[in-house]
Amino acid sequence: ENKGYELMVRNFRTRYGEIDLICRDGNLTVFVEVKAKKGLQFGSPEEMFTSAKYRQVRRMATAYLEGREVPCRIDMVAVELGEMNEVSALRHYENVVCD
């Protein structure tokens, strides 16, 4: 589900890593980190989005923007996969902040 976002870039590589999705939501540039996981025995997809990962996404977003003052936010999408790798649950968190 894209919530009406316009997909701008998929898998954008920077020297800090890769941003999964870069979208536009109205006048906002949205950097989306997708975490997919099969089974919950080692935690949920949300638990994989650590404060270190958040800082990395912020660095990658800054690299993408190259100093331009652009309104933006970071979103996280958690995907739970079933036995046949089908999507069994999908949760979208807008404007995540981790410190």
PDB file of N, CA and C in Angstrom:
ATOM      1  N   GLU A   1       0.859  -1.180   0.000  1.00  0.00           N
ATOM      2  CA  GLU A   1       0.000   0.000   0.000  1.00  0.00           C
ATOM      3  C   GLU A   1       0.899   1.235   0.000  1.00  0.00           C
ATOM      4  N   ASN A   2       0.663   2.170  -0.914  1.00  0.00           N
ATOM      5  CA  ASN A   2       1.565   3.316  -1.003  1.00  0.00           C
ATOM      6  C   ASN A   2       1.008   4.583  -0.385  1.00  0.00           C
ATOM      7  N   LYS A   3      -0.207   4.559   0.154  1.00  0.00           N
ATOM      8  CA  LYS A   3      -0.817   5.713   0.821  1.00  0.00           C
ATOM      9  C   LYS A   3      -0.816   6.954  -0.053  1.00  0.00           C
ATOM     10  N   GLY A   4      -0.779   6.775  -1.356  1.00  0.00           N
ATOM     11  CA  GLY A   4      -0.780   7.922  -2.253  1.00  0.00           C
ATOM     12  C   GLY A   4       0.580   8.555  -2.446  1.00  0.00           C
ATOM     13  N   TYR A   5       1.627   7.922  -1.934  1.00  0.00           N
ATOM     14  CA  TYR A   5       2.973   8.462  -2.102  1.00  0.00           C
ATOM     15  C   TYR A   5       3.419   8.258  -3.542  1.00  0.00           C
ATOM     16  N   GLU A   6       4.274   9.138  -4.003  1.00  0.00           N
ATOM     17  CA  GLU A   6       4.897   8.979  -5.317  1.00  0.00           C
ATOM     18  C   GLU A   6       6.292   8.403  -5.099  1.00  0.00           C
ATOM     19  N   LEU A   7       6.548   7.227  -5.660  1.00  0.00           N
ATOM     20  CA  LEU A   7       7.869   6.614  -5.547  1.00  0.00           C
ATOM     21  C   LEU A   7       8.844   7.371  -6.430  1.00  0.00           C
ATOM     22  N   MET A   8       9.915   7.877  -5.831  1.00  0.00           N
ATOM     23  CA  MET A   8      10.931   8.620  -6.574  1.00  0.00           C
ATOM     24  C   MET A   8      12.140   7.738  -6.886  1.00  0.00           C
ATOM     25  N   VAL A   9      12.641   7.028  -5.866  1.00  0.00           N
ATOM     26  CA  VAL A   9      13.854   6.219  -6.021  1.00  0.00           C
ATOM     27  C   VAL A   9      13.699   4.958  -5.176  1.00  0.00           C
ATOM     28  N   ARG A  10      14.185   3.851  -5.713  1.00  0.00           N
ATOM     29  CA  ARG A  10      14.205   2.588  -4.978  1.00  0.00           C
ATOM     30  C   ARG A  10      15.666   2.156  -4.833  1.00  0.00           C
ATOM     31  N   ASN A  11      16.045   1.708  -3.645  1.00  0.00           N
ATOM     32  CA  ASN A  11      17.394   1.184  -3.366  1.00  0.00           C
ATOM     33  C   ASN A  11      18.491   2.184  -3.735  1.00  0.00           C
ATOM     34  N   PHE A  12      18.405   3.391  -3.172  1.00  0.00           N
ATOM     35  CA  PHE A  12      19.401   4.436  -3.425  1.00  0.00           C
ATOM     36  C   PHE A  12      20.649   4.159  -2.597  1.00  0.00           C
ATOM     37  N   ARG A  13      21.774   3.995  -3.273  1.00  0.00           N
ATOM     38  CA  ARG A  13      23.030   3.679  -2.586  1.00  0.00           C
ATOM     39  C   ARG A  13      23.806   4.944  -2.252  1.00  0.00           C
ATOM     40  N   THR A  14      24.311   4.981  -1.021  1.00  0.00           N
ATOM     41  CA  THR A  14      25.222   6.033  -0.585  1.00  0.00           C
ATOM     42  C   THR A  14      26.444   5.343  -0.001  1.00  0.00           C
ATOM     43  N   ARG A  15      27.435   6.122   0.375  1.00  0.00           N
ATOM     44  CA  ARG A  15      28.612   5.497   0.994  1.00  0.00           C
ATOM     45  C   ARG A  15      28.296   4.961   2.386  1.00  0.00           C
ATOM     46  N   TYR A  16      27.151   5.364   2.936  1.00  0.00           N
ATOM     47  CA  TYR A  16      26.740   4.910   4.268  1.00  0.00           C
ATOM     48  C   TYR A  16      25.839   3.685   4.224  1.00  0.00           C
ATOM     49  N   GLY A  17      25.385   3.314   3.039  1.00  0.00           N
ATOM     50  CA  GLY A  17      24.471   2.191   2.904  1.00  0.00           C
ATOM     51  C   GLY A  17      23.414   2.492   1.862  1.00  0.00           C
ATOM     52  N   GLU A  18      22.301   1.799   1.963  1.00  0.00           N
ATOM     53  CA  GLU A  18      21.251   1.901   0.950  1.00  0.00           C
ATOM     54  C   GLU A  18      19.917   2.280   1.588  1.00  0.00           C
ATOM     55  N   ILE A  19      19.259   3.281   1.007  1.00  0.00           N
ATOM     56  CA  ILE A  19      17.915   3.670   1.430  1.00  0.00           C
ATOM     57  C   ILE A  19      16.934   2.835   0.612  1.00  0.00           C
ATOM     58  N   ASP A  20      16.013   2.153   1.275  1.00  0.00           N
ATOM     59  CA  ASP A  20      15.091   1.263   0.566  1.00  0.00           C
ATOM     60  C   ASP A  20      14.207   2.017  -0.421  1.00  0.00           C
ATOM     61  N   LEU A  21      13.513   3.049   0.051  1.00  0.00           N
ATOM     62  CA  LEU A  21      12.595   3.807  -0.806  1.00  0.00           C
ATOM     63  C   LEU A  21      12.710   5.293  -0.496  1.00  0.00           C
ATOM     64  N   ILE A  22      12.658   6.098  -1.538  1.00  0.00           N
ATOM     65  CA  ILE A  22      12.540   7.545  -1.370  1.00  0.00           C
ATOM     66  C   ILE A  22      11.276   7.943  -2.114  1.00  0.00           C
ATOM     67  N   CYS A  23      10.351   8.549  -1.381  1.00  0.00           N
ATOM     68  CA  CYS A  23       9.032   8.874  -1.929  1.00  0.00           C
ATOM     69  C   CYS A  23       8.726  10.350  -1.715  1.00  0.00           C
ATOM     70  N   ARG A  24       7.671  10.782  -2.375  1.00  0.00           N
ATOM     71  CA  ARG A  24       7.143  12.120  -2.141  1.00  0.00           C
ATOM     72  C   ARG A  24       5.737  11.973  -1.585  1.00  0.00           C
ATOM     73  N   ASP A  25       5.499  12.708  -0.498  1.00  0.00           N
ATOM     74  CA  ASP A  25       4.180  12.775   0.126  1.00  0.00           C
ATOM     75  C   ASP A  25       3.810  14.254   0.174  1.00  0.00           C
ATOM     76  N   GLY A  26       3.111  14.717  -0.854  1.00  0.00           N
ATOM     77  CA  GLY A  26       2.836  16.147  -0.971  1.00  0.00           C
ATOM     78  C   GLY A  26       4.139  16.886  -1.210  1.00  0.00           C
ATOM     79  N   ASN A  27       4.488  17.816  -0.312  1.00  0.00           N
ATOM     80  CA  ASN A  27       5.748  18.548  -0.474  1.00  0.00           C
ATOM     81  C   ASN A  27       6.887  17.933   0.326  1.00  0.00           C
ATOM     82  N   LEU A  28       6.630  16.813   1.000  1.00  0.00           N
ATOM     83  CA  LEU A  28       7.656  16.154   1.811  1.00  0.00           C
ATOM     84  C   LEU A  28       8.388  15.078   1.025  1.00  0.00           C
ATOM     85  N   THR A  29       9.701  15.017   1.225  1.00  0.00           N
ATOM     86  CA  THR A  29      10.479  13.874   0.758  1.00  0.00           C
ATOM     87  C   THR A  29      10.502  12.876   1.909  1.00  0.00           C
ATOM     88  N   VAL A  30      10.136  11.628   1.626  1.00  0.00           N
ATOM     89  CA  VAL A  30      10.024  10.605   2.668  1.00  0.00           C
ATOM     90  C   VAL A  30      11.044   9.505   2.397  1.00  0.00           C
ATOM     91  N   PHE A  31      11.910   9.271   3.372  1.00  0.00           N
ATOM     92  CA  PHE A  31      12.897   8.198   3.302  1.00  0.00           C
ATOM     93  C   PHE A  31      12.311   7.016   4.072  1.00  0.00           C
ATOM     94  N   VAL A  32      12.150   5.881   3.386  1.00  0.00           N
ATOM     95  CA  VAL A  32      11.448   4.741   3.976  1.00  0.00           C
ATOM     96  C   VAL A  32      12.413   3.571   4.154  1.00  0.00           C
ATOM     97  N   GLU A  33      12.518   3.106   5.381  1.00  0.00           N
ATOM     98  CA  GLU A  33      13.279   1.902   5.699  1.00  0.00           C
ATOM     99  C   GLU A  33      12.286   0.760   5.839  1.00  0.00           C
ATOM    100  N   VAL A  34      12.490  -0.315   5.077  1.00  0.00           N
ATOM    101  CA  VAL A  34      11.605  -1.476   5.116  1.00  0.00           C
ATOM    102  C   VAL A  34      12.324  -2.605   5.848  1.00  0.00           C
ATOM    103  N   LYS A  35      11.675  -3.145   6.860  1.00  0.00           N
ATOM    104  CA  LYS A  35      12.219  -4.283   7.594  1.00  0.00           C
ATOM    105  C   LYS A  35      11.250  -5.446   7.446  1.00  0.00           C
ATOM    106  N   ALA A  36      11.705  -6.521   6.810  1.00  0.00           N
ATOM    107  CA  ALA A  36      10.876  -7.711   6.609  1.00  0.00           C
ATOM    108  C   ALA A  36      11.463  -8.857   7.418  1.00  0.00           C
ATOM    109  N   LYS A  37      10.582  -9.664   7.994  1.00  0.00           N
ATOM    110  CA  LYS A  37      11.041 -10.757   8.838  1.00  0.00           C
ATOM    111  C   LYS A  37      10.067 -11.922   8.757  1.00  0.00           C
ATOM    112  N   LYS A  38      10.627 -13.110   8.707  1.00  0.00           N
ATOM    113  CA  LYS A  38       9.836 -14.347   8.710  1.00  0.00           C
ATOM    114  C   LYS A  38       9.935 -14.942  10.112  1.00  0.00           C
ATOM    115  N   GLY A  39       8.816 -15.030  10.786  1.00  0.00           N
ATOM    116  CA  GLY A  39       8.817 -15.558  12.146  1.00  0.00           C
ATOM    117  C   GLY A  39       9.230 -14.501  13.156  1.00  0.00           C
ATOM    118  N   LEU A  40       8.793 -14.679  14.385  1.00  0.00           N
ATOM    119  CA  LEU A  40       9.064 -13.680  15.420  1.00  0.00           C
ATOM    120  C   LEU A  40       9.948 -14.209  16.545  1.00  0.00           C
ATOM    121  N   GLN A  41      10.546 -15.401  16.359  1.00  0.00           N
ATOM    122  CA  GLN A  41      11.313 -15.989  17.454  1.00  0.00           C
ATOM    123  C   GLN A  41      12.521 -15.146  17.851  1.00  0.00           C
ATOM    124  N   PHE A  42      13.041 -14.322  16.957  1.00  0.00           N
ATOM    125  CA  PHE A  42      14.175 -13.467  17.295  1.00  0.00           C
ATOM    126  C   PHE A  42      13.768 -12.001  17.285  1.00  0.00           C
ATOM    127  N   GLY A  43      12.499 -11.731  17.522  1.00  0.00           N
ATOM    128  CA  GLY A  43      12.016 -10.359  17.587  1.00  0.00           C
ATOM    129  C   GLY A  43      11.210  -9.971  16.362  1.00  0.00           C
ATOM    130  N   SER A  44      10.587  -8.825  16.472  1.00  0.00           N
ATOM    131  CA  SER A  44       9.723  -8.312  15.407  1.00  0.00           C
ATOM    132  C   SER A  44      10.530  -7.479  14.415  1.00  0.00           C
ATOM    133  N   PRO A  45       9.959  -7.176  13.255  1.00  0.00           N
ATOM    134  CA  PRO A  45      10.647  -6.285  12.316  1.00  0.00           C
ATOM    135  C   PRO A  45      10.936  -4.925  12.952  1.00  0.00           C
ATOM    136  N   GLU A  46      10.027  -4.447  13.800  1.00  0.00           N
ATOM    137  CA  GLU A  46      10.242  -3.160  14.470  1.00  0.00           C
ATOM    138  C   GLU A  46      11.497  -3.185  15.329  1.00  0.00           C
ATOM    139  N   GLU A  47      11.750  -4.319  15.976  1.00  0.00           N
ATOM    140  CA  GLU A  47      12.930  -4.419  16.837  1.00  0.00           C
ATOM    141  C   GLU A  47      14.227  -4.404  16.036  1.00  0.00           C
ATOM    142  N   MET A  48      14.144  -4.683  14.742  1.00  0.00           N
ATOM    143  CA  MET A  48      15.329  -4.633  13.878  1.00  0.00           C
ATOM    144  C   MET A  48      15.692  -3.193  13.509  1.00  0.00           C
ATOM    145  N   PHE A  49      14.758  -2.254  13.717  1.00  0.00           N
ATOM    146  CA  PHE A  49      15.012  -0.846  13.402  1.00  0.00           C
ATOM    147  C   PHE A  49      15.548  -0.180  14.667  1.00  0.00           C
ATOM    148  N   THR A  50      16.839  -0.315  14.871  1.00  0.00           N
ATOM    149  CA  THR A  50      17.498   0.167  16.081  1.00  0.00           C
ATOM    150  C   THR A  50      17.842   1.649  15.963  1.00  0.00           C
ATOM    151  N   SER A  51      18.277   2.234  17.069  1.00  0.00           N
ATOM    152  CA  SER A  51      18.699   3.639  17.026  1.00  0.00           C
ATOM    153  C   SER A  51      19.916   3.798  16.116  1.00  0.00           C
ATOM    154  N   ALA A  52      20.788   2.789  16.056  1.00  0.00           N
ATOM    155  CA  ALA A  52      21.944   2.850  15.145  1.00  0.00           C
ATOM    156  C   ALA A  52      21.472   2.860  13.691  1.00  0.00           C
ATOM    157  N   LYS A  53      20.476   2.048  13.367  1.00  0.00           N
ATOM    158  CA  LYS A  53      19.938   2.022  12.003  1.00  0.00           C
ATOM    159  C   LYS A  53      19.274   3.352  11.674  1.00  0.00           C
ATOM    160  N   TYR A  54      18.560   3.926  12.639  1.00  0.00           N
ATOM    161  CA  TYR A  54      17.934   5.231  12.438  1.00  0.00           C
ATOM    162  C   TYR A  54      18.998   6.284  12.109  1.00  0.00           C
ATOM    163  N   ARG A  55      20.085   6.302  12.877  1.00  0.00           N
ATOM    164  CA  ARG A  55      21.167   7.271  12.612  1.00  0.00           C
ATOM    165  C   ARG A  55      21.760   7.049  11.228  1.00  0.00           C
ATOM    166  N   GLN A  56      21.899   5.797  10.816  1.00  0.00           N
ATOM    167  CA  GLN A  56      22.419   5.491   9.483  1.00  0.00           C
ATOM    168  C   GLN A  56      21.473   6.015   8.398  1.00  0.00           C
ATOM    169  N   VAL A  57      20.173   5.812   8.573  1.00  0.00           N
ATOM    170  CA  VAL A  57      19.200   6.314   7.597  1.00  0.00           C
ATOM    171  C   VAL A  57      19.262   7.838   7.541  1.00  0.00           C
ATOM    172  N   ARG A  58      19.412   8.491   8.687  1.00  0.00           N
ATOM    173  CA  ARG A  58      19.545   9.958   8.693  1.00  0.00           C
ATOM    174  C   ARG A  58      20.773  10.404   7.911  1.00  0.00           C
ATOM    175  N   ARG A  59      21.896   9.717   8.098  1.00  0.00           N
ATOM    176  CA  ARG A  59      23.118  10.059   7.340  1.00  0.00           C
ATOM    177  C   ARG A  59      22.899   9.864   5.848  1.00  0.00           C
ATOM    178  N   MET A  60      22.237   8.767   5.471  1.00  0.00           N
ATOM    179  CA  MET A  60      21.981   8.503   4.056  1.00  0.00           C
ATOM    180  C   MET A  60      21.035   9.547   3.476  1.00  0.00           C
ATOM    181  N   ALA A  61      20.028   9.957   4.243  1.00  0.00           N
ATOM    182  CA  ALA A  61      19.094  10.990   3.782  1.00  0.00           C
ATOM    183  C   ALA A  61      19.832  12.304   3.564  1.00  0.00           C
ATOM    184  N   THR A  62      20.716  12.654   4.482  1.00  0.00           N
ATOM    185  CA  THR A  62      21.515  13.876   4.347  1.00  0.00           C
ATOM    186  C   THR A  62      22.378  13.811   3.098  1.00  0.00           C
ATOM    187  N   ALA A  63      22.971  12.651   2.838  1.00  0.00           N
ATOM    188  CA  ALA A  63      23.792  12.485   1.627  1.00  0.00           C
ATOM    189  C   ALA A  63      22.934  12.648   0.378  1.00  0.00           C
ATOM    190  N   TYR A  64      21.730  12.106   0.390  1.00  0.00           N
ATOM    191  CA  TYR A  64      20.835  12.222  -0.764  1.00  0.00           C
ATOM    192  C   TYR A  64      20.456  13.682  -1.011  1.00  0.00           C
ATOM    193  N   LEU A  65      20.183  14.409   0.051  1.00  0.00           N
ATOM    194  CA  LEU A  65      19.747  15.805  -0.083  1.00  0.00           C
ATOM    195  C   LEU A  65      20.886  16.750  -0.450  1.00  0.00           C
ATOM    196  N   GLU A  66      22.129  16.324  -0.229  1.00  0.00           N
ATOM    197  CA  GLU A  66      23.318  17.112  -0.595  1.00  0.00           C
ATOM    198  C   GLU A  66      23.228  18.560  -0.126  1.00  0.00           C
ATOM    199  N   GLY A  67      22.821  18.763   1.122  1.00  0.00           N
ATOM    200  CA  GLY A  67      22.800  20.103   1.693  1.00  0.00           C
ATOM    201  C   GLY A  67      21.587  20.945   1.353  1.00  0.00           C
ATOM    202  N   ARG A  68      20.698  20.437   0.506  1.00  0.00           N
ATOM    203  CA  ARG A  68      19.489  21.202   0.166  1.00  0.00           C
ATOM    204  C   ARG A  68      18.531  21.204   1.352  1.00  0.00           C
ATOM    205  N   GLU A  69      17.897  22.335   1.581  1.00  0.00           N
ATOM    206  CA  GLU A  69      16.881  22.452   2.629  1.00  0.00           C
ATOM    207  C   GLU A  69      15.551  21.971   2.055  1.00  0.00           C
ATOM    208  N   VAL A  70      15.222  20.741   2.323  1.00  0.00           N
ATOM    209  CA  VAL A  70      14.013  20.119   1.787  1.00  0.00           C
ATOM    210  C   VAL A  70      13.229  19.537   2.964  1.00  0.00           C
ATOM    211  N   PRO A  71      11.934  19.830   3.065  1.00  0.00           N
ATOM    212  CA  PRO A  71      11.162  19.204   4.140  1.00  0.00           C
ATOM    213  C   PRO A  71      11.122  17.687   3.935  1.00  0.00           C
ATOM    214  N   CYS A  72      11.475  16.956   4.982  1.00  0.00           N
ATOM    215  CA  CYS A  72      11.540  15.497   4.835  1.00  0.00           C
ATOM    216  C   CYS A  72      11.224  14.827   6.157  1.00  0.00           C
ATOM    217  N   ARG A  73      11.039  13.517   6.075  1.00  0.00           N
ATOM    218  CA  ARG A  73      10.842  12.709   7.272  1.00  0.00           C
ATOM    219  C   ARG A  73      11.321  11.290   6.976  1.00  0.00           C
ATOM    220  N   ILE A  74      11.462  10.513   8.034  1.00  0.00           N
ATOM    221  CA  ILE A  74      11.849   9.108   7.914  1.00  0.00           C
ATOM    222  C   ILE A  74      10.669   8.255   8.368  1.00  0.00           C
ATOM    223  N   ASP A  75      10.268   7.317   7.521  1.00  0.00           N
ATOM    224  CA  ASP A  75       9.216   6.357   7.846  1.00  0.00           C
ATOM    225  C   ASP A  75       9.834   4.964   7.940  1.00  0.00           C
ATOM    226  N   MET A  76       9.143   4.074   8.617  1.00  0.00           N
ATOM    227  CA  MET A  76       9.574   2.682   8.712  1.00  0.00           C
ATOM    228  C   MET A  76       8.382   1.794   8.390  1.00  0.00           C
ATOM    229  N   VAL A  77       8.611   0.781   7.566  1.00  0.00           N
ATOM    230  CA  VAL A  77       7.579  -0.191   7.235  1.00  0.00           C
ATOM    231  C   VAL A  77       8.036  -1.548   7.761  1.00  0.00           C
ATOM    232  N   ALA A  78       7.212  -2.151   8.600  1.00  0.00           N
ATOM    233  CA  ALA A  78       7.494  -3.473   9.161  1.00  0.00           C
ATOM    234  C   ALA A  78       6.650  -4.500   8.412  1.00  0.00           C
ATOM    235  N   VAL A  79       7.314  -5.533   7.902  1.00  0.00           N
ATOM    236  CA  VAL A  79       6.631  -6.569   7.134  1.00  0.00           C
ATOM    237  C   VAL A  79       6.892  -7.917   7.803  1.00  0.00           C
ATOM    238  N   GLU A  80       5.812  -8.619   8.133  1.00  0.00           N
ATOM    239  CA  GLU A  80       5.930  -9.984   8.640  1.00  0.00           C
ATOM    240  C   GLU A  80       5.588 -10.930   7.503  1.00  0.00           C
ATOM    241  N   LEU A  81       6.450 -11.933   7.301  1.00  0.00           N
ATOM    242  CA  LEU A  81       6.268 -12.897   6.219  1.00  0.00           C
ATOM    243  C   LEU A  81       5.792 -14.232   6.778  1.00  0.00           C
ATOM    244  N   GLY A  82       4.914 -14.886   6.026  1.00  0.00           N
ATOM    245  CA  GLY A  82       4.411 -16.201   6.403  1.00  0.00           C
ATOM    246  C   GLY A  82       5.315 -17.310   5.901  1.00  0.00           C
ATOM    247  N   GLU A  83       4.865 -18.528   6.059  1.00  0.00           N
ATOM    248  CA  GLU A  83       5.644 -19.716   5.687  1.00  0.00           C
ATOM    249  C   GLU A  83       6.079 -19.729   4.228  1.00  0.00           C
ATOM    250  N   MET A  84       5.250 -19.222   3.338  1.00  0.00           N
ATOM    251  CA  MET A  84       5.567 -19.219   1.901  1.00  0.00           C
ATOM    252  C   MET A  84       6.064 -17.839   1.446  1.00  0.00           C
ATOM    253  N   ASN A  85       6.608 -17.068   2.392  1.00  0.00           N
ATOM    254  CA  ASN A  85       7.104 -15.709   2.141  1.00  0.00           C
ATOM    255  C   ASN A  85       6.019 -14.736   1.696  1.00  0.00           C
ATOM    256  N   GLU A  86       4.756 -15.075   1.977  1.00  0.00           N
ATOM    257  CA  GLU A  86       3.674 -14.131   1.690  1.00  0.00           C
ATOM    258  C   GLU A  86       3.615 -13.104   2.825  1.00  0.00           C
ATOM    259  N   VAL A  87       3.138 -11.915   2.514  1.00  0.00           N
ATOM    260  CA  VAL A  87       3.006 -10.868   3.526  1.00  0.00           C
ATOM    261  C   VAL A  87       1.833 -11.226   4.432  1.00  0.00           C
ATOM    262  N   SER A  88       2.126 -11.452   5.712  1.00  0.00           N
ATOM    263  CA  SER A  88       1.059 -11.772   6.662  1.00  0.00           C
ATOM    264  C   SER A  88       0.653 -10.544   7.476  1.00  0.00           C
ATOM    265  N   ALA A  89       1.541  -9.569   7.578  1.00  0.00           N
ATOM    266  CA  ALA A  89       1.217  -8.318   8.276  1.00  0.00           C
ATOM    267  C   ALA A  89       2.138  -7.226   7.754  1.00  0.00           C
ATOM    268  N   LEU A  90       1.583  -6.022   7.654  1.00  0.00           N
ATOM    269  CA  LEU A  90       2.356  -4.870   7.200  1.00  0.00           C
ATOM    270  C   LEU A  90       1.932  -3.671   8.042  1.00  0.00           C
ATOM    271  N   ARG A  91       2.931  -3.012   8.651  1.00  0.00           N
ATOM    272  CA  ARG A  91       2.659  -1.837   9.481  1.00  0.00           C
ATOM    273  C   ARG A  91       3.549  -0.690   9.019  1.00  0.00           C
ATOM    274  N   HIS A  92       2.956   0.490   8.863  1.00  0.00           N
ATOM    275  CA  HIS A  92       3.675   1.677   8.390  1.00  0.00           C
ATOM    276  C   HIS A  92       3.729   2.691   9.529  1.00  0.00           C
ATOM    277  N   TYR A  93       4.937   3.097   9.887  1.00  0.00           N
ATOM    278  CA  TYR A  93       5.138   4.090  10.940  1.00  0.00           C
ATOM    279  C   TYR A  93       5.687   5.357  10.299  1.00  0.00           C
ATOM    280  N   GLU A  94       4.938   6.442  10.409  1.00  0.00           N
ATOM    281  CA  GLU A  94       5.364   7.706   9.823  1.00  0.00           C
ATOM    282  C   GLU A  94       6.181   8.513  10.826  1.00  0.00           C
ATOM    283  N   ASN A  95       7.189   9.213  10.296  1.00  0.00           N
ATOM    284  CA  ASN A  95       7.975  10.168  11.073  1.00  0.00           C
ATOM    285  C   ASN A  95       8.567   9.530  12.327  1.00  0.00           C
ATOM    286  N   VAL A  96       9.268   8.423  12.145  1.00  0.00           N
ATOM    287  CA  VAL A  96       9.879   7.736  13.280  1.00  0.00           C
ATOM    288  C   VAL A  96      11.061   8.546  13.804  1.00  0.00           C
ATOM    289  N   VAL A  97      11.256   8.475  15.098  1.00  0.00           N
ATOM    290  CA  VAL A  97      12.391   9.135  15.741  1.00  0.00           C
ATOM    291  C   VAL A  97      12.952   8.153  16.746  1.00  0.00           C
ATOM    292  N   CYS A  98      14.248   7.909  16.670  1.00  0.00           N
ATOM    293  CA  CYS A  98      14.918   7.014  17.613  1.00  0.00           C
ATOM    294  C   CYS A  98      16.143   7.735  18.150  1.00  0.00           C
ATOM    295  N   ASP A  99      16.283   7.760  19.448  1.00  0.00           N
ATOM    296  CA  ASP A  99      17.471   8.389  20.055  1.00  0.00           C
ATOM    297  C   ASP A  99      18.242   7.416  20.901  1.00  0.00           C
TER     298      ASP A  99
END
